[in-house]
Amino acid sequence: MALGGGTFLTQNKSLPGSYINFVSAARASATLSERGYVAMPLSLDWGAADDIVTLEAADFGKEAMKLFGYSPDAPQLQPIREVLRHAKTVYFYRLNGGTKAEKTEGSVTITAKHSGVRGNHLKVGIVQNADDNTLFEVSTYVDTKKVDTQIVSTIDALVDNDYVMFSGTGAPTASAGITLEGGTNKAAVDADDYQTFLNKAEAYAFNTLACPSATPAIISLFVEYTKRMREENGIKFQTVVYRSAADHEGVISVENTVKGEQVNAASLVYWTAGVTAACAINQSNSNTTYDGEYDIDVDYTQSELAKGLKEGKFLFHKVGDKVNILDDINTFVSVTPDKNEDFSSNQVVRVLDQVANDTAVLFNQQYLGKVQNNDTGRSLFWNELVTYFKQLQNINAIEAFQAEDIVVEQGADKKSISVSNSITPTAAMTKCYMTVVVQ
């Protein structure tokens, strides 16, 4: 069942769920969920099409060939290595599924498990068994790497493996190598392919969403999706894009490009999405050193860097022989009394998103439809929230928290509760002002 979520203006929602507003205080002038999850679409030469594939960073070395068709150190998998520098789990979606390579020889037909040009590098060798001439050894190769061997007497005894599927009957015919052919990638990826990914991504929980396109129309698609999911559905994550003045706390806009021929201009999105997802809520990525493989263009003057920060651009700059993140900010720049400049800080947004997500999980799983809306029930929920915010304070994600900051009351009807709370997220030091008096 779909649950309600998002922000509210009045207490008039029809769907059960959690509706949470964050506003700035007026100024004069439970369990913390894990981080490290990224959702990202890619164009690839091999892999499942029309489906999201989950990959744990720890499994990349042993899963790369099967999932993406190349060894983990291959240049074709550079974007994947970039996001996995810091991400814990990545939900990949292949955008450019095409046709499967295939070859029939004798009475056996061999078809690539996935579409794509990498299928044309698959080869199957069939040799008679040295110990029993009624048996055959059937080996599958990717380029020259053997990835599977089976010993059978008939074709219909062959079992599909991670790379090819077999069909046919009768005894195999010995062959030095049956090379598959005809595998293709989709010629051009369009907005519909990206939209299909975004639709499928709604079923997953992640901290960052990566848009690896430099095309304004595709970037806009991701920006609007992010706004809708955050504000209407209450699903909190940040999206990393390339050069977009989105003016929204949920969108991080990487300004720098990378050097080199035939390199995607938006390539820094991969690493930035990973490092953003992995950053703890009590930490900042400001001044974090880039440890990826790309050669970053950091040819900016001090005035250009200062201007870029005011415009909400996520910038990398040169620090000695290193390239560091200048400041951990998002694209929000339109400050209002209800939404101050704190919302431009990704560290603050991480805290707020964590609160929203964790509170929604707590309420939806443990209280919705299970606990009575009376003084006892509301007291139980209040106590859970107090415990949760004390955890945040203990890890220095927020400060100056007191139990009385949280008020849980009955809402506008018998089924609703109203929760008010004030929190003060902390932020890492990024500026030092010092006055030295010489006497």
Protein backbone atom coordinates (compact mmCIF):
# COMPACT_ATOMS: atom_id res chain seq x y z
CA MET A 1 0.00 0.00 0.00
CA ALA A 2 1.29 3.45 -0.84
CA LEU A 3 1.76 5.68 2.17
CA GLY A 4 1.44 9.43 2.21
CA GLY A 5 4.45 11.64 2.74
CA GLY A 6 5.88 15.06 2.06
CA THR A 7 5.19 18.51 3.38
CA PHE A 8 1.90 20.02 4.56
CA LEU A 9 0.27 23.42 4.68
CA THR A 10 -2.81 22.40 6.69
CA GLN A 11 -3.72 19.12 8.35
CA ASN A 12 -5.87 17.93 5.47
CA LYS A 13 -4.07 14.86 4.07
CA SER A 14 -6.14 11.85 3.05
CA LEU A 15 -3.45 9.14 2.90
CA PRO A 16 -1.99 7.68 6.11
CA GLY A 17 1.69 8.56 6.44
CA SER A 18 4.24 11.04 7.74
CA TYR A 19 4.10 14.69 6.69
CA ILE A 20 7.09 16.71 7.83
CA ASN A 21 7.92 20.40 7.32
CA PHE A 22 11.30 22.01 7.90
CA VAL A 23 11.35 25.79 8.31
CA SER A 24 13.93 28.18 9.67
CA ALA A 25 13.52 29.73 13.08
CA ALA A 26 13.21 33.52 12.91
CA ARG A 27 16.51 35.35 13.18
CA ALA A 28 17.46 38.95 13.81
CA SER A 29 19.71 39.81 10.74
CA ALA A 30 15.20 5.83 17.16
CA THR A 31 17.86 4.21 15.11
CA LEU A 32 20.00 6.08 12.64
CA SER A 33 19.69 4.54 9.19
CA GLU A 34 22.81 3.71 7.19
CA ARG A 35 24.21 5.92 4.47
CA GLY A 36 26.23 5.15 1.35
CA TYR A 37 23.47 4.23 -1.14
CA VAL A 38 23.48 5.58 -4.71
CA ALA A 39 21.13 5.11 -7.66
CA MET A 40 22.70 5.69 -11.08
CA PRO A 41 21.89 4.98 -14.75
CA LEU A 42 24.69 4.20 -17.22
CA SER A 43 25.28 3.33 -20.84
CA LEU A 44 27.13 0.00 -20.90
CA ASP A 45 28.30 -2.62 -23.40
CA TRP A 46 26.85 -5.50 -21.36
CA GLY A 47 24.41 -6.12 -18.58
CA ALA A 48 20.76 -6.54 -17.72
CA ALA A 49 18.52 -4.11 -19.56
CA ASP A 50 15.27 -2.68 -18.20
CA ASP A 51 16.12 -3.70 -14.66
CA ILE A 52 18.02 -2.26 -11.71
CA VAL A 53 21.06 -4.23 -10.56
CA THR A 54 22.30 -3.95 -6.98
CA LEU A 55 26.05 -3.99 -6.40
CA GLU A 56 27.84 -3.87 -3.07
CA ALA A 57 31.22 -2.11 -3.21
CA ALA A 58 32.86 -5.10 -1.53
CA ASP A 59 31.67 -7.39 -4.35
CA PHE A 60 32.79 -5.29 -7.31
CA GLY A 61 36.00 -7.24 -7.93
CA LYS A 62 34.27 -10.59 -8.25
CA GLU A 63 31.04 -9.37 -9.85
CA ALA A 64 32.33 -6.90 -12.46
CA MET A 65 32.85 -9.37 -15.30
CA LYS A 66 29.48 -11.04 -14.83
CA LEU A 67 27.47 -7.84 -14.40
CA PHE A 68 29.28 -5.47 -16.78
CA GLY A 69 31.27 -7.70 -19.11
CA TYR A 70 34.73 -6.37 -18.23
CA SER A 71 37.37 -6.90 -15.58
CA PRO A 72 37.11 -4.41 -12.71
CA ASP A 73 40.16 -2.42 -13.88
CA ALA A 74 38.94 -2.02 -17.49
CA PRO A 75 38.67 1.57 -18.79
CA GLN A 76 35.02 0.94 -19.73
CA LEU A 77 34.16 0.61 -16.03
CA GLN A 78 35.81 3.85 -14.90
CA PRO A 79 32.47 5.51 -13.99
CA ILE A 80 31.60 2.52 -11.81
CA ARG A 81 34.94 2.64 -10.05
CA GLU A 82 34.43 6.37 -9.43
CA VAL A 83 31.13 6.00 -7.61
CA LEU A 84 32.38 2.96 -5.69
CA ARG A 85 35.35 4.90 -4.32
CA HIS A 86 33.07 5.86 -1.45
CA ALA A 87 29.57 4.44 -1.98
CA LYS A 88 28.59 1.31 -0.08
CA THR A 89 25.82 0.12 -2.36
CA VAL A 90 24.91 1.24 -5.87
CA TYR A 91 21.71 0.58 -7.79
CA PHE A 92 22.77 0.52 -11.44
CA TYR A 93 20.45 0.74 -14.43
CA ARG A 94 21.59 0.10 -17.98
CA LEU A 95 20.13 2.68 -20.36
CA ASN A 96 21.20 1.32 -23.74
CA GLY A 97 20.05 -2.26 -24.06
CA GLY A 98 20.19 -3.37 -27.70
CA THR A 99 20.34 -6.80 -29.37
CA LYS A 100 21.93 -10.00 -28.14
CA ALA A 101 24.84 -11.64 -29.91
CA GLU A 102 24.13 -15.14 -31.15
CA LYS A 103 25.61 -17.97 -33.23
CA THR A 104 24.35 -21.31 -34.47
CA GLU A 105 26.85 -23.99 -35.41
CA GLY A 106 25.77 -27.51 -36.15
CA SER A 107 22.86 -28.35 -33.90
CA VAL A 108 23.68 -25.92 -31.08
CA THR A 109 22.56 -22.31 -30.83
CA ILE A 110 24.39 -20.06 -28.39
CA THR A 111 22.84 -16.74 -27.36
CA ALA A 112 24.39 -14.05 -25.17
CA LYS A 113 22.62 -13.65 -21.86
CA HIS A 114 22.54 -9.87 -22.27
CA SER A 115 22.39 -7.51 -25.19
CA GLY A 116 25.29 -5.30 -26.19
CA VAL A 117 28.48 -5.23 -28.22
CA ARG A 118 30.38 -7.03 -25.50
CA GLY A 119 28.48 -10.16 -26.50
CA ASN A 120 30.54 -10.22 -29.70
CA HIS A 121 33.57 -11.04 -27.54
CA LEU A 122 32.02 -14.27 -26.27
CA LYS A 123 33.33 -17.57 -27.58
CA VAL A 124 32.41 -21.17 -26.85
CA GLY A 125 34.86 -24.01 -27.38
CA ILE A 126 33.77 -27.65 -27.63
CA VAL A 127 36.30 -30.48 -27.29
CA GLN A 128 35.89 -34.20 -26.80
CA ASN A 129 36.66 -35.41 -23.31
CA ALA A 130 40.06 -37.10 -23.11
CA ASP A 131 38.84 -39.85 -20.76
CA ASP A 132 35.42 -40.58 -22.30
CA ASN A 133 34.77 -40.01 -25.99
CA THR A 134 31.00 -39.90 -25.38
CA LEU A 135 31.43 -36.71 -23.36
CA PHE A 136 32.30 -33.18 -24.43
CA GLU A 137 33.87 -30.26 -22.55
CA VAL A 138 32.02 -27.05 -23.39
CA SER A 139 33.88 -23.91 -22.25
CA THR A 140 32.72 -20.30 -22.39
CA TYR A 141 35.25 -17.49 -22.85
CA VAL A 142 35.11 -13.71 -22.61
CA ASP A 143 37.96 -12.71 -24.90
CA THR A 144 40.58 -15.23 -23.75
CA LYS A 145 39.34 -15.60 -20.16
CA LYS A 146 37.58 -18.88 -19.44
CA VAL A 147 34.48 -18.20 -17.34
CA ASP A 148 32.63 -21.52 -17.43
CA THR A 149 33.20 -25.21 -18.29
CA GLN A 150 30.66 -28.03 -18.45
CA ILE A 151 31.05 -31.70 -19.31
CA VAL A 152 27.99 -33.13 -21.09
CA SER A 153 26.99 -35.79 -23.57
CA THR A 154 24.17 -33.87 -25.25
CA ILE A 155 23.38 -30.25 -26.01
CA ASP A 156 20.16 -30.27 -24.00
CA ALA A 157 22.20 -31.17 -20.91
CA LEU A 158 24.01 -27.82 -21.08
CA VAL A 159 23.03 -25.32 -18.39
CA ASP A 160 22.87 -21.61 -19.13
CA ASN A 161 25.65 -19.69 -17.37
CA ASP A 162 26.22 -16.03 -16.51
CA TYR A 163 27.20 -15.22 -20.10
CA VAL A 164 25.43 -17.46 -22.61
CA MET A 165 22.30 -19.56 -23.08
CA PHE A 166 22.27 -22.86 -24.97
CA SER A 167 19.60 -24.47 -27.10
CA GLY A 168 19.50 -27.49 -29.39
CA THR A 169 19.45 -31.27 -29.19
CA GLY A 170 21.77 -34.15 -29.94
CA ALA A 171 25.48 -34.51 -29.38
CA PRO A 172 27.68 -31.39 -29.66
CA THR A 173 30.09 -31.05 -32.56
CA ALA A 174 33.69 -30.34 -31.62
CA SER A 175 34.74 -26.78 -32.43
CA ALA A 176 37.85 -24.75 -31.68
CA GLY A 177 35.70 -21.74 -31.02
CA ILE A 178 32.20 -20.54 -31.81
CA THR A 179 32.31 -16.74 -31.69
CA LEU A 180 29.02 -14.96 -31.14
CA GLU A 181 28.08 -12.04 -33.36
CA GLY A 182 25.40 -9.43 -33.96
CA GLY A 183 25.38 -7.92 -30.47
CA THR A 184 24.59 -4.20 -30.43
CA ASN A 185 23.99 -1.34 -28.02
CA LYS A 186 21.04 0.96 -28.49
CA ALA A 187 22.22 3.65 -30.90
CA ALA A 188 20.96 6.63 -28.91
CA VAL A 189 19.70 7.02 -25.36
CA ASP A 190 16.80 9.43 -24.97
CA ALA A 191 14.69 11.01 -22.24
CA ASP A 192 12.32 8.05 -22.18
CA ASP A 193 15.18 5.75 -21.17
CA TYR A 194 16.10 8.03 -18.28
CA GLN A 195 12.45 8.36 -17.26
CA THR A 196 12.10 4.57 -17.19
CA PHE A 197 15.05 4.44 -14.80
CA LEU A 198 13.54 7.13 -12.57
CA ASN A 199 10.23 5.26 -12.44
CA LYS A 200 11.98 2.06 -11.38
CA ALA A 201 14.14 3.92 -8.84
CA GLU A 202 11.05 4.84 -6.83
CA ALA A 203 11.07 1.32 -5.40
CA TYR A 204 14.53 1.82 -3.85
CA ALA A 205 15.86 3.81 -0.91
CA PHE A 206 19.08 5.73 -1.56
CA ASN A 207 20.95 8.79 -0.34
CA THR A 208 22.01 10.19 -3.68
CA LEU A 209 20.80 9.98 -7.25
CA ALA A 210 23.33 10.55 -10.04
CA CYS A 211 22.49 12.16 -13.38
CA PRO A 212 25.43 11.33 -15.68
CA SER A 213 24.18 13.47 -18.56
CA ALA A 214 25.34 16.90 -19.72
CA THR A 215 22.13 17.42 -21.72
CA PRO A 216 19.99 20.21 -20.17
CA ALA A 217 16.69 18.43 -20.89
CA ILE A 218 17.83 15.27 -19.11
CA ILE A 219 19.22 17.27 -16.19
CA SER A 220 15.90 19.10 -15.89
CA LEU A 221 14.12 15.73 -15.82
CA PHE A 222 16.21 14.68 -12.80
CA VAL A 223 15.78 18.02 -11.05
CA GLU A 224 12.00 17.98 -11.34
CA TYR A 225 11.89 14.35 -10.25
CA THR A 226 13.95 15.22 -7.17
CA LYS A 227 11.71 18.12 -6.24
CA ARG A 228 8.58 16.01 -6.65
CA MET A 229 9.88 13.07 -4.65
CA ARG A 230 11.15 15.27 -1.82
CA GLU A 231 8.23 17.67 -1.55
CA GLU A 232 5.20 15.63 -2.58
CA ASN A 233 6.19 12.10 -1.56
CA GLY A 234 8.45 12.86 1.39
CA ILE A 235 11.31 10.76 -0.01
CA LYS A 236 14.50 12.54 0.96
CA PHE A 237 17.65 12.22 -1.13
CA GLN A 238 19.96 14.55 -3.03
CA THR A 239 20.61 14.44 -6.76
CA VAL A 240 24.01 15.20 -8.25
CA VAL A 241 23.90 16.84 -11.69
CA TYR A 242 26.23 18.72 -13.99
CA ARG A 243 25.94 22.51 -14.20
CA SER A 244 22.35 23.26 -13.25
CA ALA A 245 21.06 26.35 -11.47
CA ALA A 246 18.30 24.34 -9.83
CA ASP A 247 18.12 26.56 -6.71
CA HIS A 248 17.07 23.64 -4.51
CA GLU A 249 18.61 21.99 -1.47
CA GLY A 250 18.00 18.57 -2.98
CA VAL A 251 20.21 19.24 -6.02
CA ILE A 252 24.01 19.40 -6.06
CA SER A 253 25.49 20.91 -9.22
CA VAL A 254 29.05 19.90 -10.12
CA GLU A 255 30.69 22.76 -12.01
CA ASN A 256 34.09 21.34 -12.93
CA THR A 257 34.61 19.31 -16.08
CA VAL A 258 37.30 16.72 -16.75
CA LYS A 259 40.15 16.80 -19.24
CA GLY A 260 40.69 14.29 -22.03
CA GLU A 261 39.23 13.31 -25.36
CA GLN A 262 35.93 11.43 -25.59
CA VAL A 263 35.27 11.87 -21.88
CA ASN A 264 31.77 12.62 -20.65
CA ALA A 265 31.75 16.24 -19.48
CA ALA A 266 29.58 15.22 -16.52
CA SER A 267 32.00 12.53 -15.31
CA LEU A 268 32.61 14.11 -11.89
CA VAL A 269 28.99 13.38 -11.07
CA TYR A 270 29.93 9.73 -10.42
CA TRP A 271 32.51 10.39 -7.70
CA THR A 272 30.51 13.24 -6.18
CA ALA A 273 27.41 11.06 -5.87
CA GLY A 274 29.42 8.38 -4.10
CA VAL A 275 31.20 10.67 -1.67
CA THR A 276 27.95 12.52 -0.89
CA ALA A 277 26.05 9.32 -0.18
CA ALA A 278 28.81 8.01 2.07
CA CYS A 279 29.30 11.20 4.08
CA ALA A 280 28.07 10.80 7.65
CA ILE A 281 25.48 13.25 8.92
CA ASN A 282 27.92 14.61 11.49
CA GLN A 283 30.57 15.35 8.85
CA SER A 284 31.14 17.60 5.86
CA ASN A 285 32.78 16.99 2.49
CA SER A 286 34.29 20.48 2.49
CA ASN A 287 38.01 20.24 1.72
CA THR A 288 37.75 16.51 0.96
CA THR A 289 40.44 15.41 -1.49
CA TYR A 290 39.38 13.91 -4.79
CA ASP A 291 40.81 10.38 -5.03
CA GLY A 292 39.36 9.29 -8.36
CA GLU A 293 40.94 8.70 -11.76
CA TYR A 294 39.91 11.74 -13.80
CA ASP A 295 42.06 14.75 -14.58
CA ILE A 296 39.94 17.62 -13.31
CA ASP A 297 39.90 21.10 -14.80
CA VAL A 298 40.51 23.38 -11.82
CA ASP A 299 41.54 26.48 -13.76
CA TYR A 300 39.54 29.00 -11.70
CA THR A 301 40.57 32.33 -10.21
CA GLN A 302 39.78 33.21 -6.60
CA SER A 303 37.06 35.60 -7.75
CA GLU A 304 35.53 32.91 -9.96
CA LEU A 305 35.49 30.47 -7.06
CA ALA A 306 33.86 33.02 -4.77
CA LYS A 307 31.24 33.85 -7.41
CA GLY A 308 30.59 30.17 -7.99
CA LEU A 309 29.87 29.54 -4.32
CA LYS A 310 27.36 32.40 -4.26
CA GLU A 311 25.62 30.81 -7.25
CA GLY A 312 25.35 27.43 -5.55
CA LYS A 313 28.01 25.62 -7.58
CA PHE A 314 29.81 22.55 -6.22
CA LEU A 315 33.46 23.29 -7.05
CA PHE A 316 36.80 21.52 -6.93
CA HIS A 317 39.99 23.57 -6.59
CA LYS A 318 43.74 23.08 -6.40
CA VAL A 319 45.34 22.79 -2.96
CA GLY A 320 49.06 22.17 -3.36
CA ASP A 321 49.35 18.99 -5.40
CA LYS A 322 45.81 17.87 -4.51
CA VAL A 323 42.34 18.65 -5.82
CA ASN A 324 39.83 19.29 -3.04
CA ILE A 325 36.15 20.11 -2.74
CA LEU A 326 35.89 23.84 -2.11
CA ASP A 327 32.70 23.75 -0.04
CA ASP A 328 30.02 21.12 0.54
CA ILE A 329 27.03 23.06 -0.80
CA ASN A 330 23.97 22.54 -2.96
CA THR A 331 22.19 24.80 -5.44
CA PHE A 332 19.84 26.54 -2.99
CA VAL A 333 20.41 30.30 -3.12
CA SER A 334 16.95 31.94 -2.82
CA VAL A 335 17.01 32.63 0.90
CA THR A 336 13.71 33.50 2.62
CA PRO A 337 12.70 34.03 6.27
CA ASP A 338 11.34 30.46 6.37
CA LYS A 339 14.33 28.98 4.54
CA ASN A 340 17.63 30.55 5.45
CA GLU A 341 21.14 30.07 4.09
CA ASP A 342 21.66 26.99 6.30
CA PHE A 343 19.70 24.99 3.72
CA SER A 344 22.50 25.50 1.19
CA SER A 345 24.79 23.39 3.41
CA ASN A 346 24.77 19.72 2.45
CA GLN A 347 25.71 18.78 5.99
CA VAL A 348 22.57 20.48 7.30
CA VAL A 349 20.44 18.89 4.58
CA ARG A 350 21.85 15.47 5.43
CA VAL A 351 20.75 15.91 9.03
CA LEU A 352 17.28 17.09 8.02
CA ASP A 353 16.88 14.30 5.48
CA GLN A 354 18.01 11.74 8.04
CA VAL A 355 15.45 13.04 10.53
CA ALA A 356 12.67 12.95 7.94
CA ASN A 357 13.48 9.47 6.68
CA ASP A 358 14.08 7.91 10.09
CA THR A 359 10.98 9.50 11.63
CA ALA A 360 8.84 8.30 8.73
CA VAL A 361 10.19 4.74 9.10
CA LEU A 362 9.61 4.81 12.86
CA PHE A 363 6.05 6.08 12.56
CA ASN A 364 5.01 4.01 9.53
CA GLN A 365 6.41 0.72 10.83
CA GLN A 366 5.72 0.91 14.55
CA TYR A 367 2.85 3.33 15.12
CA LEU A 368 0.69 3.70 12.03
CA GLY A 369 -2.47 1.67 12.66
CA LYS A 370 -0.90 -0.07 15.67
CA VAL A 371 -0.86 2.42 18.55
CA GLN A 372 -3.88 4.30 19.88
CA ASN A 373 -3.96 8.07 19.49
CA ASN A 374 -4.33 8.85 23.19
CA ASP A 375 -2.08 10.32 25.85
CA THR A 376 -0.29 7.00 26.33
CA GLY A 377 0.30 6.44 22.62
CA ARG A 378 1.50 9.97 22.02
CA SER A 379 3.78 9.73 25.04
CA LEU A 380 5.35 6.58 23.62
CA PHE A 381 6.05 8.31 20.30
CA TRP A 382 7.41 11.38 22.09
CA ASN A 383 9.79 9.22 24.10
CA GLU A 384 11.06 7.51 20.92
CA LEU A 385 11.73 10.88 19.31
CA VAL A 386 13.57 12.18 22.36
CA THR A 387 15.79 9.08 22.36
CA TYR A 388 16.44 9.51 18.65
CA PHE A 389 17.42 13.18 18.88
CA LYS A 390 19.69 12.44 21.81
CA GLN A 391 21.51 10.01 19.51
CA LEU A 392 21.94 12.81 16.99
CA GLN A 393 23.31 15.09 19.69
CA ASN A 394 25.67 12.41 21.00
CA ILE A 395 27.33 12.13 17.58
CA ASN A 396 27.43 15.95 17.23
CA ALA A 397 24.98 16.05 14.33
CA ILE A 398 22.84 18.54 16.29
CA GLU A 399 23.44 20.64 19.38
CA ALA A 400 21.55 22.29 22.25
CA PHE A 401 18.76 19.70 22.14
CA GLN A 402 16.37 19.42 25.10
CA ALA A 403 13.53 16.98 25.55
CA GLU A 404 11.02 19.80 25.92
CA ASP A 405 11.87 20.92 22.38
CA ILE A 406 9.58 18.13 21.16
CA VAL A 407 5.81 18.40 21.54
CA VAL A 408 3.47 15.60 20.40
CA GLU A 409 -0.22 16.51 20.44
CA GLN A 410 -3.44 15.27 18.92
CA GLY A 411 -3.90 16.60 15.41
CA ALA A 412 -6.93 18.03 13.67
CA ASP A 413 -8.83 14.71 13.88
CA LYS A 414 -8.84 11.55 15.98
CA LYS A 415 -6.43 9.73 13.66
CA SER A 416 -3.78 12.45 13.49
CA ILE A 417 -0.95 13.58 15.69
CA SER A 418 0.84 16.90 15.48
CA VAL A 419 4.56 17.02 16.19
CA SER A 420 6.53 20.22 16.66
CA ASN A 421 10.24 20.29 17.23
CA SER A 422 13.20 22.60 16.92
CA ILE A 423 16.72 21.36 16.18
CA THR A 424 20.06 23.02 15.58
CA PRO A 425 22.20 21.06 13.10
CA THR A 426 25.92 21.48 13.51
CA ALA A 427 28.29 22.31 10.68
CA ALA A 428 31.98 21.78 10.13
CA MET A 429 34.30 24.77 10.34
CA THR A 430 35.11 26.22 6.92
CA LYS A 431 36.17 29.79 7.77
CA CYS A 432 38.55 31.25 10.32
CA TYR A 433 38.49 34.94 11.26
CA MET A 434 41.32 35.98 13.57
CA THR A 435 42.31 39.31 15.00
CA VAL A 436 45.78 39.68 16.47
CA VAL A 437 46.44 42.68 18.68
CA VAL A 438 50.09 43.66 18.78
CA GLN A 439 51.11 45.70 21.79
